[in-house]
Amino acid sequence: MLPDPVVMKLIYAAVGGLLMLLGAGLVHHLLARVVGMDINAELKAGNLAVGLAVMGLFIAVGLGGGLVIGLALH
């Protein structure tokens, strides 16, 4: 027997959010490997281009997470 639909939606939202965070970590790691630099050191040095790239990553994670949670609770 399946659990209550509300519980299933909450589980879906939680798992989707965790997958988005894992995906963001993977993209961060791949970005650092592809460009061949230490992203954290570049951010501390004030590199604006790296800051914008990381900002885009966080915006994508926020949009993806919002869509996953929004669709799960619809």
PDB file of N, CA and C in Angstrom:
ATOM      1  N   MET A   1       0.847  -1.182   0.000  1.00  0.00           N
ATOM      2  CA  MET A   1       0.000   0.000   0.000  1.00  0.00           C
ATOM      3  C   MET A   1       0.890   1.242   0.000  1.00  0.00           C
ATOM      4  N   LEU A   2       0.551   2.204  -0.851  1.00  0.00           N
ATOM      5  CA  LEU A   2       1.331   3.435  -0.970  1.00  0.00           C
ATOM      6  C   LEU A   2       1.034   4.382   0.185  1.00  0.00           C
ATOM      7  N   PRO A   3       2.047   5.176   0.595  1.00  0.00           N
ATOM      8  CA  PRO A   3       1.802   6.167   1.641  1.00  0.00           C
ATOM      9  C   PRO A   3       0.887   7.286   1.151  1.00  0.00           C
ATOM     10  N   ASP A   4       0.519   8.144   2.061  1.00  0.00           N
ATOM     11  CA  ASP A   4      -0.337   9.284   1.773  1.00  0.00           C
ATOM     12  C   ASP A   4       0.305  10.156   0.678  1.00  0.00           C
ATOM     13  N   PRO A   5      -0.481  10.701  -0.252  1.00  0.00           N
ATOM     14  CA  PRO A   5       0.087  11.527  -1.327  1.00  0.00           C
ATOM     15  C   PRO A   5       0.880  12.734  -0.819  1.00  0.00           C
ATOM     16  N   VAL A   6       0.477  13.311   0.298  1.00  0.00           N
ATOM     17  CA  VAL A   6       1.201  14.450   0.850  1.00  0.00           C
ATOM     18  C   VAL A   6       2.604  14.023   1.276  1.00  0.00           C
ATOM     19  N   VAL A   7       2.717  12.856   1.894  1.00  0.00           N
ATOM     20  CA  VAL A   7       4.018  12.339   2.316  1.00  0.00           C
ATOM     21  C   VAL A   7       4.875  12.045   1.084  1.00  0.00           C
ATOM     22  N   MET A   8       4.274  11.482   0.054  1.00  0.00           N
ATOM     23  CA  MET A   8       5.012  11.198  -1.174  1.00  0.00           C
ATOM     24  C   MET A   8       5.534  12.494  -1.811  1.00  0.00           C
ATOM     25  N   LYS A   9       4.726  13.553  -1.806  1.00  0.00           N
ATOM     26  CA  LYS A   9       5.160  14.828  -2.370  1.00  0.00           C
ATOM     27  C   LYS A   9       6.303  15.426  -1.560  1.00  0.00           C
ATOM     28  N   LEU A  10       6.238  15.329  -0.245  1.00  0.00           N
ATOM     29  CA  LEU A  10       7.321  15.848   0.593  1.00  0.00           C
ATOM     30  C   LEU A  10       8.608  15.058   0.375  1.00  0.00           C
ATOM     31  N   ILE A  11       8.487  13.746   0.228  1.00  0.00           N
ATOM     32  CA  ILE A  11       9.667  12.916  -0.052  1.00  0.00           C
ATOM     33  C   ILE A  11      10.245  13.289  -1.408  1.00  0.00           C
ATOM     34  N   TYR A  12       9.385  13.472  -2.400  1.00  0.00           N
ATOM     35  CA  TYR A  12       9.835  13.868  -3.736  1.00  0.00           C
ATOM     36  C   TYR A  12      10.565  15.206  -3.692  1.00  0.00           C
ATOM     37  N   ALA A  13      10.013  16.177  -2.946  1.00  0.00           N
ATOM     38  CA  ALA A  13      10.645  17.496  -2.843  1.00  0.00           C
ATOM     39  C   ALA A  13      11.990  17.398  -2.138  1.00  0.00           C
ATOM     40  N   ALA A  14      12.071  16.615  -1.071  1.00  0.00           N
ATOM     41  CA  ALA A  14      13.326  16.484  -0.328  1.00  0.00           C
ATOM     42  C   ALA A  14      14.400  15.797  -1.172  1.00  0.00           C
ATOM     43  N   VAL A  15      14.045  14.718  -1.838  1.00  0.00           N
ATOM     44  CA  VAL A  15      15.014  14.002  -2.670  1.00  0.00           C
ATOM     45  C   VAL A  15      15.442  14.876  -3.849  1.00  0.00           C
ATOM     46  N   GLY A  16      14.510  15.590  -4.445  1.00  0.00           N
ATOM     47  CA  GLY A  16      14.855  16.486  -5.552  1.00  0.00           C
ATOM     48  C   GLY A  16      15.790  17.599  -5.110  1.00  0.00           C
ATOM     49  N   GLY A  17      15.539  18.166  -3.935  1.00  0.00           N
ATOM     50  CA  GLY A  17      16.422  19.201  -3.410  1.00  0.00           C
ATOM     51  C   GLY A  17      17.816  18.677  -3.143  1.00  0.00           C
ATOM     52  N   LEU A  18      17.914  17.488  -2.578  1.00  0.00           N
ATOM     53  CA  LEU A  18      19.227  16.893  -2.327  1.00  0.00           C
ATOM     54  C   LEU A  18      19.970  16.590  -3.625  1.00  0.00           C
ATOM     55  N   LEU A  19      19.249  16.110  -4.618  1.00  0.00           N
ATOM     56  CA  LEU A  19      19.878  15.849  -5.912  1.00  0.00           C
ATOM     57  C   LEU A  19      20.369  17.132  -6.570  1.00  0.00           C
ATOM     58  N   MET A  20      19.640  18.229  -6.398  1.00  0.00           N
ATOM     59  CA  MET A  20      20.088  19.509  -6.947  1.00  0.00           C
ATOM     60  C   MET A  20      21.365  19.967  -6.255  1.00  0.00           C
ATOM     61  N   LEU A  21      21.463  19.784  -4.936  1.00  0.00           N
ATOM     62  CA  LEU A  21      22.675  20.164  -4.220  1.00  0.00           C
ATOM     63  C   LEU A  21      23.866  19.303  -4.646  1.00  0.00           C
ATOM     64  N   LEU A  22      23.627  18.017  -4.802  1.00  0.00           N
ATOM     65  CA  LEU A  22      24.696  17.140  -5.279  1.00  0.00           C
ATOM     66  C   LEU A  22      25.122  17.521  -6.693  1.00  0.00           C
ATOM     67  N   GLY A  23      24.167  17.852  -7.525  1.00  0.00           N
ATOM     68  CA  GLY A  23      24.477  18.289  -8.888  1.00  0.00           C
ATOM     69  C   GLY A  23      25.279  19.582  -8.893  1.00  0.00           C
ATOM     70  N   ALA A  24      24.954  20.509  -7.998  1.00  0.00           N
ATOM     71  CA  ALA A  24      25.702  21.763  -7.917  1.00  0.00           C
ATOM     72  C   ALA A  24      27.139  21.502  -7.487  1.00  0.00           C
ATOM     73  N   GLY A  25      27.323  20.608  -6.532  1.00  0.00           N
ATOM     74  CA  GLY A  25      28.681  20.254  -6.118  1.00  0.00           C
ATOM     75  C   GLY A  25      29.467  19.623  -7.249  1.00  0.00           C
ATOM     76  N   LEU A  26      28.805  18.775  -8.014  1.00  0.00           N
ATOM     77  CA  LEU A  26      29.459  18.134  -9.152  1.00  0.00           C
ATOM     78  C   LEU A  26      29.845  19.160 -10.218  1.00  0.00           C
ATOM     79  N   VAL A  27      28.939  20.091 -10.505  1.00  0.00           N
ATOM     80  CA  VAL A  27      29.225  21.129 -11.497  1.00  0.00           C
ATOM     81  C   VAL A  27      30.367  22.022 -11.015  1.00  0.00           C
ATOM     82  N   HIS A  28      30.376  22.351  -9.729  1.00  0.00           N
ATOM     83  CA  HIS A  28      31.459  23.163  -9.162  1.00  0.00           C
ATOM     84  C   HIS A  28      32.799  22.445  -9.327  1.00  0.00           C
ATOM     85  N   HIS A  29      32.819  21.158  -9.029  1.00  0.00           N
ATOM     86  CA  HIS A  29      34.041  20.366  -9.166  1.00  0.00           C
ATOM     87  C   HIS A  29      34.482  20.281 -10.630  1.00  0.00           C
ATOM     88  N   LEU A  30      33.531  20.027 -11.531  1.00  0.00           N
ATOM     89  CA  LEU A  30      33.870  19.935 -12.952  1.00  0.00           C
ATOM     90  C   LEU A  30      34.337  21.274 -13.511  1.00  0.00           C
ATOM     91  N   LEU A  31      33.721  22.366 -13.071  1.00  0.00           N
ATOM     92  CA  LEU A  31      34.145  23.692 -13.516  1.00  0.00           C
ATOM     93  C   LEU A  31      35.584  23.954 -13.092  1.00  0.00           C
ATOM     94  N   ALA A  32      35.912  23.615 -11.857  1.00  0.00           N
ATOM     95  CA  ALA A  32      37.281  23.816 -11.375  1.00  0.00           C
ATOM     96  C   ALA A  32      38.265  22.952 -12.154  1.00  0.00           C
ATOM     97  N   ARG A  33      37.867  21.740 -12.497  1.00  0.00           N
ATOM     98  CA  ARG A  33      38.759  20.838 -13.222  1.00  0.00           C
ATOM     99  C   ARG A  33      38.944  21.279 -14.675  1.00  0.00           C
ATOM    100  N   VAL A  34      37.861  21.718 -15.311  1.00  0.00           N
ATOM    101  CA  VAL A  34      37.936  22.103 -16.726  1.00  0.00           C
ATOM    102  C   VAL A  34      38.777  23.366 -16.900  1.00  0.00           C
ATOM    103  N   VAL A  35      38.556  24.359 -16.045  1.00  0.00           N
ATOM    104  CA  VAL A  35      39.307  25.601 -16.205  1.00  0.00           C
ATOM    105  C   VAL A  35      40.685  25.516 -15.557  1.00  0.00           C
ATOM    106  N   GLY A  36      40.935  24.509 -14.744  1.00  0.00           N
ATOM    107  CA  GLY A  36      42.252  24.274 -14.174  1.00  0.00           C
ATOM    108  C   GLY A  36      42.703  25.296 -13.159  1.00  0.00           C
ATOM    109  N   MET A  37      41.796  25.707 -12.279  1.00  0.00           N
ATOM    110  CA  MET A  37      42.173  26.670 -11.249  1.00  0.00           C
ATOM    111  C   MET A  37      41.436  26.373  -9.959  1.00  0.00           C
ATOM    112  N   ASP A  38      41.926  26.989  -8.904  1.00  0.00           N
ATOM    113  CA  ASP A  38      41.288  26.858  -7.597  1.00  0.00           C
ATOM    114  C   ASP A  38      40.245  27.970  -7.476  1.00  0.00           C
ATOM    115  N   ILE A  39      38.989  27.594  -7.540  1.00  0.00           N
ATOM    116  CA  ILE A  39      37.916  28.591  -7.543  1.00  0.00           C
ATOM    117  C   ILE A  39      37.910  29.386  -6.248  1.00  0.00           C
ATOM    118  N   ASN A  40      38.103  28.735  -5.115  1.00  0.00           N
ATOM    119  CA  ASN A  40      38.083  29.442  -3.832  1.00  0.00           C
ATOM    120  C   ASN A  40      39.198  30.478  -3.747  1.00  0.00           C
ATOM    121  N   ALA A  41      40.393  30.132  -4.220  1.00  0.00           N
ATOM    122  CA  ALA A  41      41.503  31.090  -4.202  1.00  0.00           C
ATOM    123  C   ALA A  41      41.222  32.275  -5.121  1.00  0.00           C
ATOM    124  N   GLU A  42      40.627  31.999  -6.278  1.00  0.00           N
ATOM    125  CA  GLU A  42      40.299  33.080  -7.214  1.00  0.00           C
ATOM    126  C   GLU A  42      39.233  34.007  -6.642  1.00  0.00           C
ATOM    127  N   LEU A  43      38.271  33.448  -5.938  1.00  0.00           N
ATOM    128  CA  LEU A  43      37.251  34.288  -5.310  1.00  0.00           C
ATOM    129  C   LEU A  43      37.858  35.161  -4.217  1.00  0.00           C
ATOM    130  N   LYS A  44      38.765  34.600  -3.429  1.00  0.00           N
ATOM    131  CA  LYS A  44      39.435  35.391  -2.386  1.00  0.00           C
ATOM    132  C   LYS A  44      40.277  36.507  -2.996  1.00  0.00           C
ATOM    133  N   ALA A  45      40.827  36.267  -4.195  1.00  0.00           N
ATOM    134  CA  ALA A  45      41.642  37.270  -4.867  1.00  0.00           C
ATOM    135  C   ALA A  45      40.787  38.346  -5.541  1.00  0.00           C
ATOM    136  N   GLY A  46      39.471  38.146  -5.580  1.00  0.00           N
ATOM    137  CA  GLY A  46      38.573  39.142  -6.151  1.00  0.00           C
ATOM    138  C   GLY A  46      38.363  39.013  -7.645  1.00  0.00           C
ATOM    139  N   ASN A  47      38.523  37.821  -8.202  1.00  0.00           N
ATOM    140  CA  ASN A  47      38.333  37.596  -9.635  1.00  0.00           C
ATOM    141  C   ASN A  47      36.840  37.665  -9.952  1.00  0.00           C
ATOM    142  N   LEU A  48      36.454  38.714 -10.652  1.00  0.00           N
ATOM    143  CA  LEU A  48      35.039  38.959 -10.939  1.00  0.00           C
ATOM    144  C   LEU A  48      34.442  37.903 -11.872  1.00  0.00           C
ATOM    145  N   ALA A  49      35.209  37.451 -12.850  1.00  0.00           N
ATOM    146  CA  ALA A  49      34.696  36.458 -13.803  1.00  0.00           C
ATOM    147  C   ALA A  49      34.354  35.148 -13.101  1.00  0.00           C
ATOM    148  N   VAL A  50      35.203  34.727 -12.177  1.00  0.00           N
ATOM    149  CA  VAL A  50      34.923  33.505 -11.422  1.00  0.00           C
ATOM    150  C   VAL A  50      33.709  33.726 -10.520  1.00  0.00           C
ATOM    151  N   GLY A  51      33.609  34.903  -9.938  1.00  0.00           N
ATOM    152  CA  GLY A  51      32.449  35.220  -9.109  1.00  0.00           C
ATOM    153  C   GLY A  51      31.147  35.152  -9.889  1.00  0.00           C
ATOM    154  N   LEU A  52      31.166  35.654 -11.114  1.00  0.00           N
ATOM    155  CA  LEU A  52      29.961  35.597 -11.949  1.00  0.00           C
ATOM    156  C   LEU A  52      29.620  34.162 -12.344  1.00  0.00           C
ATOM    157  N   ALA A  53      30.635  33.353 -12.608  1.00  0.00           N
ATOM    158  CA  ALA A  53      30.387  31.955 -12.953  1.00  0.00           C
ATOM    159  C   ALA A  53      29.774  31.204 -11.775  1.00  0.00           C
ATOM    160  N   VAL A  54      30.287  31.434 -10.584  1.00  0.00           N
ATOM    161  CA  VAL A  54      29.741  30.778  -9.389  1.00  0.00           C
ATOM    162  C   VAL A  54      28.340  31.312  -9.098  1.00  0.00           C
ATOM    163  N   MET A  55      28.127  32.601  -9.326  1.00  0.00           N
ATOM    164  CA  MET A  55      26.795  33.173  -9.142  1.00  0.00           C
ATOM    165  C   MET A  55      25.788  32.489 -10.070  1.00  0.00           C
ATOM    166  N   GLY A  56      26.181  32.267 -11.318  1.00  0.00           N
ATOM    167  CA  GLY A  56      25.308  31.568 -12.263  1.00  0.00           C
ATOM    168  C   GLY A  56      24.994  30.161 -11.791  1.00  0.00           C
ATOM    169  N   LEU A  57      25.981  29.501 -11.195  1.00  0.00           N
ATOM    170  CA  LEU A  57      25.757  28.166 -10.650  1.00  0.00           C
ATOM    171  C   LEU A  57      24.709  28.197  -9.541  1.00  0.00           C
ATOM    172  N   PHE A  58      24.828  29.164  -8.633  1.00  0.00           N
ATOM    173  CA  PHE A  58      23.868  29.257  -7.536  1.00  0.00           C
ATOM    174  C   PHE A  58      22.474  29.644  -8.026  1.00  0.00           C
ATOM    175  N   ILE A  59      22.401  30.491  -9.036  1.00  0.00           N
ATOM    176  CA  ILE A  59      21.092  30.845  -9.603  1.00  0.00           C
ATOM    177  C   ILE A  59      20.448  29.616 -10.245  1.00  0.00           C
ATOM    178  N   ALA A  60      21.231  28.837 -10.972  1.00  0.00           N
ATOM    179  CA  ALA A  60      20.698  27.622 -11.590  1.00  0.00           C
ATOM    180  C   ALA A  60      20.212  26.636 -10.536  1.00  0.00           C
ATOM    181  N   VAL A  61      20.966  26.487  -9.456  1.00  0.00           N
ATOM    182  CA  VAL A  61      20.548  25.581  -8.380  1.00  0.00           C
ATOM    183  C   VAL A  61      19.265  26.095  -7.734  1.00  0.00           C
ATOM    184  N   GLY A  62      19.177  27.395  -7.524  1.00  0.00           N
ATOM    185  CA  GLY A  62      17.968  27.962  -6.931  1.00  0.00           C
ATOM    186  C   GLY A  62      16.745  27.773  -7.813  1.00  0.00           C
ATOM    187  N   LEU A  63      16.909  28.017  -9.102  1.00  0.00           N
ATOM    188  CA  LEU A  63      15.790  27.818 -10.026  1.00  0.00           C
ATOM    189  C   LEU A  63      15.387  26.349 -10.097  1.00  0.00           C
ATOM    190  N   GLY A  64      16.388  25.480 -10.215  1.00  0.00           N
ATOM    191  CA  GLY A  64      16.087  24.045 -10.290  1.00  0.00           C
ATOM    192  C   GLY A  64      15.427  23.548  -9.019  1.00  0.00           C
ATOM    193  N   GLY A  65      15.961  23.945  -7.881  1.00  0.00           N
ATOM    194  CA  GLY A  65      15.364  23.525  -6.610  1.00  0.00           C
ATOM    195  C   GLY A  65      13.968  24.054  -6.435  1.00  0.00           C
ATOM    196  N   GLY A  66      13.750  25.325  -6.834  1.00  0.00           N
ATOM    197  CA  GLY A  66      12.413  25.899  -6.751  1.00  0.00           C
ATOM    198  C   GLY A  66      11.421  25.177  -7.632  1.00  0.00           C
ATOM    199  N   LEU A  67      11.859  24.803  -8.834  1.00  0.00           N
ATOM    200  CA  LEU A  67      10.965  24.065  -9.726  1.00  0.00           C
ATOM    201  C   LEU A  67      10.637  22.681  -9.181  1.00  0.00           C
ATOM    202  N   VAL A  68      11.654  22.009  -8.659  1.00  0.00           N
ATOM    203  CA  VAL A  68      11.421  20.664  -8.114  1.00  0.00           C
ATOM    204  C   VAL A  68      10.442  20.724  -6.944  1.00  0.00           C
ATOM    205  N   ILE A  69      10.684  21.640  -6.025  1.00  0.00           N
ATOM    206  CA  ILE A  69       9.803  21.739  -4.851  1.00  0.00           C
ATOM    207  C   ILE A  69       8.435  22.241  -5.252  1.00  0.00           C
ATOM    208  N   GLY A  70       8.392  23.221  -6.158  1.00  0.00           N
ATOM    209  CA  GLY A  70       7.103  23.763  -6.591  1.00  0.00           C
ATOM    210  C   GLY A  70       6.245  22.724  -7.302  1.00  0.00           C
ATOM    211  N   LEU A  71       6.885  21.927  -8.164  1.00  0.00           N
ATOM    212  CA  LEU A  71       6.125  20.896  -8.874  1.00  0.00           C
ATOM    213  C   LEU A  71       5.738  19.753  -7.956  1.00  0.00           C
ATOM    214  N   ALA A  72       6.555  19.510  -6.939  1.00  0.00           N
ATOM    215  CA  ALA A  72       6.251  18.426  -6.013  1.00  0.00           C
ATOM    216  C   ALA A  72       5.037  18.767  -5.148  1.00  0.00           C
ATOM    217  N   LEU A  73       4.891  20.027  -4.814  1.00  0.00           N
ATOM    218  CA  LEU A  73       3.813  20.411  -3.907  1.00  0.00           C
ATOM    219  C   LEU A  73       2.580  20.936  -4.633  1.00  0.00           C
ATOM    220  N   HIS A  74       2.580  20.834  -5.932  1.00  0.00           N
ATOM    221  CA  HIS A  74       1.447  21.333  -6.721  1.00  0.00           C
ATOM    222  C   HIS A  74       0.281  20.389  -6.619  1.00  0.00           C
TER     223      HIS A  74
END
